[in-house]
């Protein structure tokens, strides 16, 4: 099976995870959750060591940047999804 690059697609991507909350979550709780996640992704040596042992390189994206990040990722893969007839309208 050919790779995405061999088929002419820019396939440079990363796996990402997100912590999501309902849209009506109070701002104070959103800020608290964001700070906890950020703290867990690199400020604690135990977390850093565990992630490194799993081959993970965490890159925190805060709530304000999240929507832009998802939009960029979506646009990056749109050509592949369209060709496979999997793109959302």
PDB file of N, CA and C in Angstrom:
ATOM      1  N   UNK A   1       0.844  -1.158   0.000  1.00  0.00           N
ATOM      2  CA  UNK A   1       0.000   0.000   0.000  1.00  0.00           C
ATOM      3  C   UNK A   1       0.904   1.240   0.000  1.00  0.00           C
ATOM      4  N   UNK A   2       0.671   2.191  -0.889  1.00  0.00           N
ATOM      5  CA  UNK A   2       1.503   3.395  -0.921  1.00  0.00           C
ATOM      6  C   UNK A   2       1.229   4.298   0.280  1.00  0.00           C
ATOM      7  N   UNK A   3       2.252   5.034   0.654  1.00  0.00           N
ATOM      8  CA  UNK A   3       2.084   5.990   1.750  1.00  0.00           C
ATOM      9  C   UNK A   3       1.342   7.220   1.244  1.00  0.00           C
ATOM     10  N   UNK A   4       0.873   8.044   2.172  1.00  0.00           N
ATOM     11  CA  UNK A   4       0.210   9.299   1.778  1.00  0.00           C
ATOM     12  C   UNK A   4       1.169  10.172   0.961  1.00  0.00           C
ATOM     13  N   UNK A   5       2.425  10.246   1.386  1.00  0.00           N
ATOM     14  CA  UNK A   5       3.411  11.053   0.661  1.00  0.00           C
ATOM     15  C   UNK A   5       3.597  10.543  -0.764  1.00  0.00           C
ATOM     16  N   UNK A   6       3.618   9.232  -0.942  1.00  0.00           N
ATOM     17  CA  UNK A   6       3.769   8.655  -2.277  1.00  0.00           C
ATOM     18  C   UNK A   6       2.562   8.965  -3.158  1.00  0.00           C
ATOM     19  N   UNK A   7       1.429   9.190  -2.536  1.00  0.00           N
ATOM     20  CA  UNK A   7       0.219   9.536  -3.282  1.00  0.00           C
ATOM     21  C   UNK A   7       0.087  11.044  -3.489  1.00  0.00           C
ATOM     22  N   UNK A   8       1.069  11.816  -2.998  1.00  0.00           N
ATOM     23  CA  UNK A   8       1.068  13.257  -3.214  1.00  0.00           C
ATOM     24  C   UNK A   8       0.425  14.088  -2.124  1.00  0.00           C
ATOM     25  N   UNK A   9       0.182  13.496  -0.947  1.00  0.00           N
ATOM     26  CA  UNK A   9      -0.427  14.236   0.158  1.00  0.00           C
ATOM     27  C   UNK A   9       0.627  14.625   1.187  1.00  0.00           C
ATOM     28  N   UNK A  10       0.464  15.818   1.759  1.00  0.00           N
ATOM     29  CA  UNK A  10       1.309  16.236   2.873  1.00  0.00           C
ATOM     30  C   UNK A  10       0.805  15.500   4.106  1.00  0.00           C
ATOM     31  N   UNK A  11       1.542  14.514   4.555  1.00  0.00           N
ATOM     32  CA  UNK A  11       1.061  13.659   5.634  1.00  0.00           C
ATOM     33  C   UNK A  11       1.804  13.880   6.942  1.00  0.00           C
ATOM     34  N   UNK A  12       2.352  15.054   7.121  1.00  0.00           N
ATOM     35  CA  UNK A  12       3.057  15.361   8.358  1.00  0.00           C
ATOM     36  C   UNK A  12       2.023  15.748   9.411  1.00  0.00           C
ATOM     37  N   UNK A  13       1.778  14.874  10.359  1.00  0.00           N
ATOM     38  CA  UNK A  13       0.770  15.145  11.369  1.00  0.00           C
ATOM     39  C   UNK A  13       1.161  14.509  12.690  1.00  0.00           C
ATOM     40  N   UNK A  14       0.431  14.875  13.708  1.00  0.00           N
ATOM     41  CA  UNK A  14       0.665  14.327  15.034  1.00  0.00           C
ATOM     42  C   UNK A  14      -0.663  13.848  15.605  1.00  0.00           C
ATOM     43  N   UNK A  15      -0.573  12.938  16.517  1.00  0.00           N
ATOM     44  CA  UNK A  15      -1.757  12.503  17.243  1.00  0.00           C
ATOM     45  C   UNK A  15      -2.006  13.502  18.355  1.00  0.00           C
ATOM     46  N   UNK A  16      -3.258  13.840  18.577  1.00  0.00           N
ATOM     47  CA  UNK A  16      -3.551  14.774  19.663  1.00  0.00           C
ATOM     48  C   UNK A  16      -4.755  14.314  20.454  1.00  0.00           C
ATOM     49  N   UNK A  17      -4.757  14.728  21.705  1.00  0.00           N
ATOM     50  CA  UNK A  17      -5.845  14.436  22.625  1.00  0.00           C
ATOM     51  C   UNK A  17      -6.349  15.757  23.173  1.00  0.00           C
ATOM     52  N   UNK A  18      -7.579  15.739  23.637  1.00  0.00           N
ATOM     53  CA  UNK A  18      -8.151  16.964  24.179  1.00  0.00           C
ATOM     54  C   UNK A  18      -9.050  16.648  25.365  1.00  0.00           C
ATOM     55  N   UNK A  19      -9.112  17.596  26.258  1.00  0.00           N
ATOM     56  CA  UNK A  19     -10.067  17.552  27.360  1.00  0.00           C
ATOM     57  C   UNK A  19     -11.141  18.567  27.014  1.00  0.00           C
ATOM     58  N   UNK A  20     -12.368  18.103  26.846  1.00  0.00           N
ATOM     59  CA  UNK A  20     -13.465  18.980  26.459  1.00  0.00           C
ATOM     60  C   UNK A  20     -14.493  19.052  27.580  1.00  0.00           C
ATOM     61  N   UNK A  21     -15.166  20.180  27.649  1.00  0.00           N
ATOM     62  CA  UNK A  21     -16.223  20.382  28.640  1.00  0.00           C
ATOM     63  C   UNK A  21     -17.452  20.924  27.909  1.00  0.00           C
ATOM     64  N   UNK A  22     -18.618  20.773  28.500  1.00  0.00           N
ATOM     65  CA  UNK A  22     -19.827  21.315  27.864  1.00  0.00           C
ATOM     66  C   UNK A  22     -19.705  22.826  27.647  1.00  0.00           C
ATOM     67  N   UNK A  23     -20.370  23.359  26.621  1.00  0.00           N
ATOM     68  CA  UNK A  23     -20.235  24.784  26.303  1.00  0.00           C
ATOM     69  C   UNK A  23     -20.680  25.718  27.419  1.00  0.00           C
ATOM     70  N   UNK A  24     -21.544  25.266  28.314  1.00  0.00           N
ATOM     71  CA  UNK A  24     -22.012  26.142  29.388  1.00  0.00           C
ATOM     72  C   UNK A  24     -21.175  26.021  30.666  1.00  0.00           C
ATOM     73  N   UNK A  25     -19.997  25.402  30.569  1.00  0.00           N
ATOM     74  CA  UNK A  25     -19.113  25.289  31.729  1.00  0.00           C
ATOM     75  C   UNK A  25     -18.646  26.683  32.145  1.00  0.00           C
ATOM     76  N   UNK A  26     -18.776  27.029  33.416  1.00  0.00           N
ATOM     77  CA  UNK A  26     -18.353  28.358  33.876  1.00  0.00           C
ATOM     78  C   UNK A  26     -16.880  28.627  33.553  1.00  0.00           C
ATOM     79  N   UNK A  27     -16.587  29.872  33.238  1.00  0.00           N
ATOM     80  CA  UNK A  27     -15.230  30.255  32.844  1.00  0.00           C
ATOM     81  C   UNK A  27     -14.205  29.921  33.917  1.00  0.00           C
ATOM     82  N   UNK A  28     -14.554  30.097  35.179  1.00  0.00           N
ATOM     83  CA  UNK A  28     -13.609  29.790  36.258  1.00  0.00           C
ATOM     84  C   UNK A  28     -13.209  28.315  36.240  1.00  0.00           C
ATOM     85  N   UNK A  29     -14.153  27.445  35.946  1.00  0.00           N
ATOM     86  CA  UNK A  29     -13.855  26.011  35.877  1.00  0.00           C
ATOM     87  C   UNK A  29     -13.017  25.716  34.640  1.00  0.00           C
ATOM     88  N   UNK A  30     -13.317  26.357  33.521  1.00  0.00           N
ATOM     89  CA  UNK A  30     -12.511  26.165  32.309  1.00  0.00           C
ATOM     90  C   UNK A  30     -11.059  26.564  32.569  1.00  0.00           C
ATOM     91  N   UNK A  31     -10.864  27.694  33.223  1.00  0.00           N
ATOM     92  CA  UNK A  31      -9.503  28.168  33.528  1.00  0.00           C
ATOM     93  C   UNK A  31      -8.798  27.189  34.452  1.00  0.00           C
ATOM     94  N   UNK A  32      -9.500  26.706  35.462  1.00  0.00           N
ATOM     95  CA  UNK A  32      -8.906  25.745  36.401  1.00  0.00           C
ATOM     96  C   UNK A  32      -8.494  24.464  35.684  1.00  0.00           C
ATOM     97  N   UNK A  33      -9.379  23.930  34.858  1.00  0.00           N
ATOM     98  CA  UNK A  33      -9.062  22.707  34.116  1.00  0.00           C
ATOM     99  C   UNK A  33      -7.859  22.915  33.197  1.00  0.00           C
ATOM    100  N   UNK A  34      -7.843  24.046  32.502  1.00  0.00           N
ATOM    101  CA  UNK A  34      -6.730  24.335  31.592  1.00  0.00           C
ATOM    102  C   UNK A  34      -5.409  24.401  32.351  1.00  0.00           C
ATOM    103  N   UNK A  35      -5.417  25.029  33.498  1.00  0.00           N
ATOM    104  CA  UNK A  35      -4.185  25.123  34.305  1.00  0.00           C
ATOM    105  C   UNK A  35      -3.730  23.751  34.797  1.00  0.00           C
ATOM    106  N   UNK A  36      -4.689  22.913  35.188  1.00  0.00           N
ATOM    107  CA  UNK A  36      -4.338  21.562  35.645  1.00  0.00           C
ATOM    108  C   UNK A  36      -3.719  20.738  34.518  1.00  0.00           C
ATOM    109  N   UNK A  37      -4.308  20.810  33.340  1.00  0.00           N
ATOM    110  CA  UNK A  37      -3.779  20.062  32.197  1.00  0.00           C
ATOM    111  C   UNK A  37      -2.387  20.574  31.849  1.00  0.00           C
ATOM    112  N   UNK A  38      -2.235  21.880  31.789  1.00  0.00           N
ATOM    113  CA  UNK A  38      -0.935  22.455  31.461  1.00  0.00           C
ATOM    114  C   UNK A  38       0.117  22.039  32.484  1.00  0.00           C
ATOM    115  N   UNK A  39      -0.243  22.040  33.748  1.00  0.00           N
ATOM    116  CA  UNK A  39       0.695  21.633  34.801  1.00  0.00           C
ATOM    117  C   UNK A  39       1.096  20.171  34.642  1.00  0.00           C
ATOM    118  N   UNK A  40       0.157  19.348  34.246  1.00  0.00           N
ATOM    119  CA  UNK A  40       0.447  17.927  34.087  1.00  0.00           C
ATOM    120  C   UNK A  40       1.268  17.595  32.859  1.00  0.00           C
ATOM    121  N   UNK A  41       1.365  18.528  31.940  1.00  0.00           N
ATOM    122  CA  UNK A  41       2.094  18.277  30.688  1.00  0.00           C
ATOM    123  C   UNK A  41       3.471  18.909  30.683  1.00  0.00           C
ATOM    124  N   UNK A  42       4.208  18.725  31.704  1.00  0.00           N
ATOM    125  CA  UNK A  42       5.580  19.147  31.624  1.00  0.00           C
ATOM    126  C   UNK A  42       6.146  19.841  32.824  1.00  0.00           C
ATOM    127  N   UNK A  43       5.318  20.336  33.702  1.00  0.00           N
ATOM    128  CA  UNK A  43       5.869  21.014  34.866  1.00  0.00           C
ATOM    129  C   UNK A  43       6.293  20.033  35.939  1.00  0.00           C
ATOM    130  N   UNK A  44       5.770  18.832  35.892  1.00  0.00           N
ATOM    131  CA  UNK A  44       6.108  17.825  36.885  1.00  0.00           C
ATOM    132  C   UNK A  44       7.042  16.796  36.262  1.00  0.00           C
ATOM    133  N   UNK A  45       8.150  16.560  36.916  1.00  0.00           N
ATOM    134  CA  UNK A  45       9.160  15.653  36.375  1.00  0.00           C
ATOM    135  C   UNK A  45       8.598  14.256  36.150  1.00  0.00           C
ATOM    136  N   UNK A  46       7.742  13.794  37.042  1.00  0.00           N
ATOM    137  CA  UNK A  46       7.166  12.452  36.887  1.00  0.00           C
ATOM    138  C   UNK A  46       6.362  12.363  35.590  1.00  0.00           C
ATOM    139  N   UNK A  47       5.573  13.391  35.301  1.00  0.00           N
ATOM    140  CA  UNK A  47       4.785  13.413  34.059  1.00  0.00           C
ATOM    141  C   UNK A  47       5.709  13.454  32.848  1.00  0.00           C
ATOM    142  N   UNK A  48       6.712  14.306  32.909  1.00  0.00           N
ATOM    143  CA  UNK A  48       7.643  14.436  31.788  1.00  0.00           C
ATOM    144  C   UNK A  48       8.349  13.110  31.518  1.00  0.00           C
ATOM    145  N   UNK A  49       8.798  12.448  32.566  1.00  0.00           N
ATOM    146  CA  UNK A  49       9.512  11.181  32.409  1.00  0.00           C
ATOM    147  C   UNK A  49       8.611  10.103  31.820  1.00  0.00           C
ATOM    148  N   UNK A  50       7.379  10.032  32.327  1.00  0.00           N
ATOM    149  CA  UNK A  50       6.456   9.025  31.809  1.00  0.00           C
ATOM    150  C   UNK A  50       6.178   9.257  30.332  1.00  0.00           C
ATOM    151  N   UNK A  51       5.868  10.497  29.968  1.00  0.00           N
ATOM    152  CA  UNK A  51       5.550  10.782  28.562  1.00  0.00           C
ATOM    153  C   UNK A  51       6.745  10.499  27.661  1.00  0.00           C
ATOM    154  N   UNK A  52       7.925  10.864  28.097  1.00  0.00           N
ATOM    155  CA  UNK A  52       9.124  10.588  27.298  1.00  0.00           C
ATOM    156  C   UNK A  52       9.313   9.084  27.120  1.00  0.00           C
ATOM    157  N   UNK A  53       9.029   8.303  28.160  1.00  0.00           N
ATOM    158  CA  UNK A  53       9.195   6.850  28.059  1.00  0.00           C
ATOM    159  C   UNK A  53       8.206   6.233  27.073  1.00  0.00           C
ATOM    160  N   UNK A  54       7.112   6.939  26.793  1.00  0.00           N
ATOM    161  CA  UNK A  54       6.109   6.470  25.845  1.00  0.00           C
ATOM    162  C   UNK A  54       6.318   7.050  24.448  1.00  0.00           C
ATOM    163  N   UNK A  55       7.388   7.828  24.276  1.00  0.00           N
ATOM    164  CA  UNK A  55       7.663   8.448  22.984  1.00  0.00           C
ATOM    165  C   UNK A  55       6.784   9.658  22.703  1.00  0.00           C
ATOM    166  N   UNK A  56       6.229  10.260  23.746  1.00  0.00           N
ATOM    167  CA  UNK A  56       5.336  11.399  23.579  1.00  0.00           C
ATOM    168  C   UNK A  56       6.074  12.714  23.797  1.00  0.00           C
ATOM    169  N   UNK A  57       5.728  13.691  23.003  1.00  0.00           N
ATOM    170  CA  UNK A  57       6.276  15.039  23.147  1.00  0.00           C
ATOM    171  C   UNK A  57       5.098  15.992  23.301  1.00  0.00           C
ATOM    172  N   UNK A  58       4.674  16.252  24.537  1.00  0.00           N
ATOM    173  CA  UNK A  58       3.482  17.076  24.733  1.00  0.00           C
ATOM    174  C   UNK A  58       3.669  18.515  24.271  1.00  0.00           C
ATOM    175  N   UNK A  59       2.611  19.053  23.724  1.00  0.00           N
ATOM    176  CA  UNK A  59       2.584  20.445  23.286  1.00  0.00           C
ATOM    177  C   UNK A  59       1.229  20.998  23.703  1.00  0.00           C
ATOM    178  N   UNK A  60       1.210  21.763  24.754  1.00  0.00           N
ATOM    179  CA  UNK A  60      -0.043  22.287  25.287  1.00  0.00           C
ATOM    180  C   UNK A  60      -0.630  23.343  24.362  1.00  0.00           C
ATOM    181  N   UNK A  61      -1.913  23.196  24.058  1.00  0.00           N
ATOM    182  CA  UNK A  61      -2.666  24.195  23.296  1.00  0.00           C
ATOM    183  C   UNK A  61      -3.834  24.596  24.185  1.00  0.00           C
ATOM    184  N   UNK A  62      -3.861  25.855  24.587  1.00  0.00           N
ATOM    185  CA  UNK A  62      -4.887  26.326  25.505  1.00  0.00           C
ATOM    186  C   UNK A  62      -6.232  26.538  24.844  1.00  0.00           C
ATOM    187  N   UNK A  63      -7.233  26.824  25.672  1.00  0.00           N
ATOM    188  CA  UNK A  63      -8.596  26.983  25.170  1.00  0.00           C
ATOM    189  C   UNK A  63      -8.724  28.029  24.058  1.00  0.00           C
ATOM    190  N   UNK A  64      -7.997  29.119  24.168  1.00  0.00           N
ATOM    191  CA  UNK A  64      -8.109  30.178  23.167  1.00  0.00           C
ATOM    192  C   UNK A  64      -7.549  29.757  21.806  1.00  0.00           C
ATOM    193  N   UNK A  65      -6.582  28.837  21.809  1.00  0.00           N
ATOM    194  CA  UNK A  65      -5.945  28.410  20.569  1.00  0.00           C
ATOM    195  C   UNK A  65      -6.582  27.144  19.988  1.00  0.00           C
ATOM    196  N   UNK A  66      -7.409  26.481  20.776  1.00  0.00           N
ATOM    197  CA  UNK A  66      -7.939  25.180  20.393  1.00  0.00           C
ATOM    198  C   UNK A  66      -8.727  25.209  19.089  1.00  0.00           C
ATOM    199  N   UNK A  67      -9.653  26.140  18.967  1.00  0.00           N
ATOM    200  CA  UNK A  67     -10.497  26.180  17.773  1.00  0.00           C
ATOM    201  C   UNK A  67      -9.656  26.393  16.518  1.00  0.00           C
ATOM    202  N   UNK A  68      -8.683  27.283  16.600  1.00  0.00           N
ATOM    203  CA  UNK A  68      -7.795  27.526  15.449  1.00  0.00           C
ATOM    204  C   UNK A  68      -6.997  26.270  15.104  1.00  0.00           C
ATOM    205  N   UNK A  69      -6.510  25.573  16.118  1.00  0.00           N
ATOM    206  CA  UNK A  69      -5.737  24.354  15.900  1.00  0.00           C
ATOM    207  C   UNK A  69      -6.577  23.294  15.184  1.00  0.00           C
ATOM    208  N   UNK A  70      -7.798  23.066  15.651  1.00  0.00           N
ATOM    209  CA  UNK A  70      -8.665  22.064  15.044  1.00  0.00           C
ATOM    210  C   UNK A  70      -8.993  22.450  13.604  1.00  0.00           C
ATOM    211  N   UNK A  71      -9.219  23.733  13.350  1.00  0.00           N
ATOM    212  CA  UNK A  71      -9.501  24.200  11.992  1.00  0.00           C
ATOM    213  C   UNK A  71      -8.318  23.914  11.067  1.00  0.00           C
ATOM    214  N   UNK A  72      -7.100  24.199  11.537  1.00  0.00           N
ATOM    215  CA  UNK A  72      -5.899  23.932  10.732  1.00  0.00           C
ATOM    216  C   UNK A  72      -5.761  22.444  10.434  1.00  0.00           C
ATOM    217  N   UNK A  73      -5.973  21.608  11.440  1.00  0.00           N
ATOM    218  CA  UNK A  73      -5.868  20.167  11.246  1.00  0.00           C
ATOM    219  C   UNK A  73      -6.930  19.677  10.257  1.00  0.00           C
ATOM    220  N   UNK A  74      -8.122  20.207  10.362  1.00  0.00           N
ATOM    221  CA  UNK A  74      -9.208  19.813   9.464  1.00  0.00           C
ATOM    222  C   UNK A  74      -8.887  20.175   8.023  1.00  0.00           C
ATOM    223  N   UNK A  75      -8.391  21.376   7.812  1.00  0.00           N
ATOM    224  CA  UNK A  75      -8.055  21.818   6.452  1.00  0.00           C
ATOM    225  C   UNK A  75      -6.896  21.017   5.875  1.00  0.00           C
ATOM    226  N   UNK A  76      -5.967  20.633   6.720  1.00  0.00           N
ATOM    227  CA  UNK A  76      -4.807  19.874   6.259  1.00  0.00           C
ATOM    228  C   UNK A  76      -5.238  18.536   5.651  1.00  0.00           C
ATOM    229  N   UNK A  77      -6.254  17.910   6.234  1.00  0.00           N
ATOM    230  CA  UNK A  77      -6.666  16.594   5.777  1.00  0.00           C
ATOM    231  C   UNK A  77      -7.873  16.618   4.853  1.00  0.00           C
ATOM    232  N   UNK A  78      -8.416  17.790   4.573  1.00  0.00           N
ATOM    233  CA  UNK A  78      -9.589  17.883   3.711  1.00  0.00           C
ATOM    234  C   UNK A  78      -9.371  17.227   2.340  1.00  0.00           C
ATOM    235  N   UNK A  79      -8.241  17.455   1.660  1.00  0.00           N
ATOM    236  CA  UNK A  79      -8.065  16.819   0.338  1.00  0.00           C
ATOM    237  C   UNK A  79      -8.158  15.292   0.379  1.00  0.00           C
ATOM    238  N   UNK A  80      -7.587  14.689   1.390  1.00  0.00           N
ATOM    239  CA  UNK A  80      -7.640  13.231   1.512  1.00  0.00           C
ATOM    240  C   UNK A  80      -9.070  12.785   1.788  1.00  0.00           C
ATOM    241  N   UNK A  81      -9.738  13.463   2.713  1.00  0.00           N
ATOM    242  CA  UNK A  81     -11.106  13.096   3.051  1.00  0.00           C
ATOM    243  C   UNK A  81     -12.052  13.277   1.873  1.00  0.00           C
ATOM    244  N   UNK A  82     -11.852  14.343   1.099  1.00  0.00           N
ATOM    245  CA  UNK A  82     -12.692  14.553  -0.071  1.00  0.00           C
ATOM    246  C   UNK A  82     -12.491  13.459  -1.110  1.00  0.00           C
ATOM    247  N   UNK A  83     -11.233  13.102  -1.349  1.00  0.00           N
ATOM    248  CA  UNK A  83     -10.960  12.052  -2.331  1.00  0.00           C
ATOM    249  C   UNK A  83     -11.570  10.724  -1.917  1.00  0.00           C
ATOM    250  N   UNK A  84     -11.594  10.479  -0.608  1.00  0.00           N
ATOM    251  CA  UNK A  84     -12.177   9.237  -0.091  1.00  0.00           C
ATOM    252  C   UNK A  84     -13.674   9.362   0.144  1.00  0.00           C
ATOM    253  N   UNK A  85     -14.233  10.498  -0.204  1.00  0.00           N
ATOM    254  CA  UNK A  85     -15.647  10.803  -0.014  1.00  0.00           C
ATOM    255  C   UNK A  85     -16.052  10.683   1.458  1.00  0.00           C
ATOM    256  N   UNK A  86     -15.199  11.213   2.336  1.00  0.00           N
ATOM    257  CA  UNK A  86     -15.446  11.175   3.777  1.00  0.00           C
ATOM    258  C   UNK A  86     -15.593  12.579   4.371  1.00  0.00           C
ATOM    259  N   UNK A  87     -15.455  13.613   3.561  1.00  0.00           N
ATOM    260  CA  UNK A  87     -15.502  14.980   4.069  1.00  0.00           C
ATOM    261  C   UNK A  87     -16.921  15.366   4.456  1.00  0.00           C
ATOM    262  N   UNK A  88     -17.029  16.074   5.579  1.00  0.00           N
ATOM    263  CA  UNK A  88     -18.332  16.586   6.008  1.00  0.00           C
ATOM    264  C   UNK A  88     -18.657  17.820   5.182  1.00  0.00           C
ATOM    265  N   UNK A  89     -19.913  17.997   4.874  1.00  0.00           N
ATOM    266  CA  UNK A  89     -20.321  19.164   4.085  1.00  0.00           C
ATOM    267  C   UNK A  89     -20.403  20.410   4.922  1.00  0.00           C
TER     268      UNK A  89
END
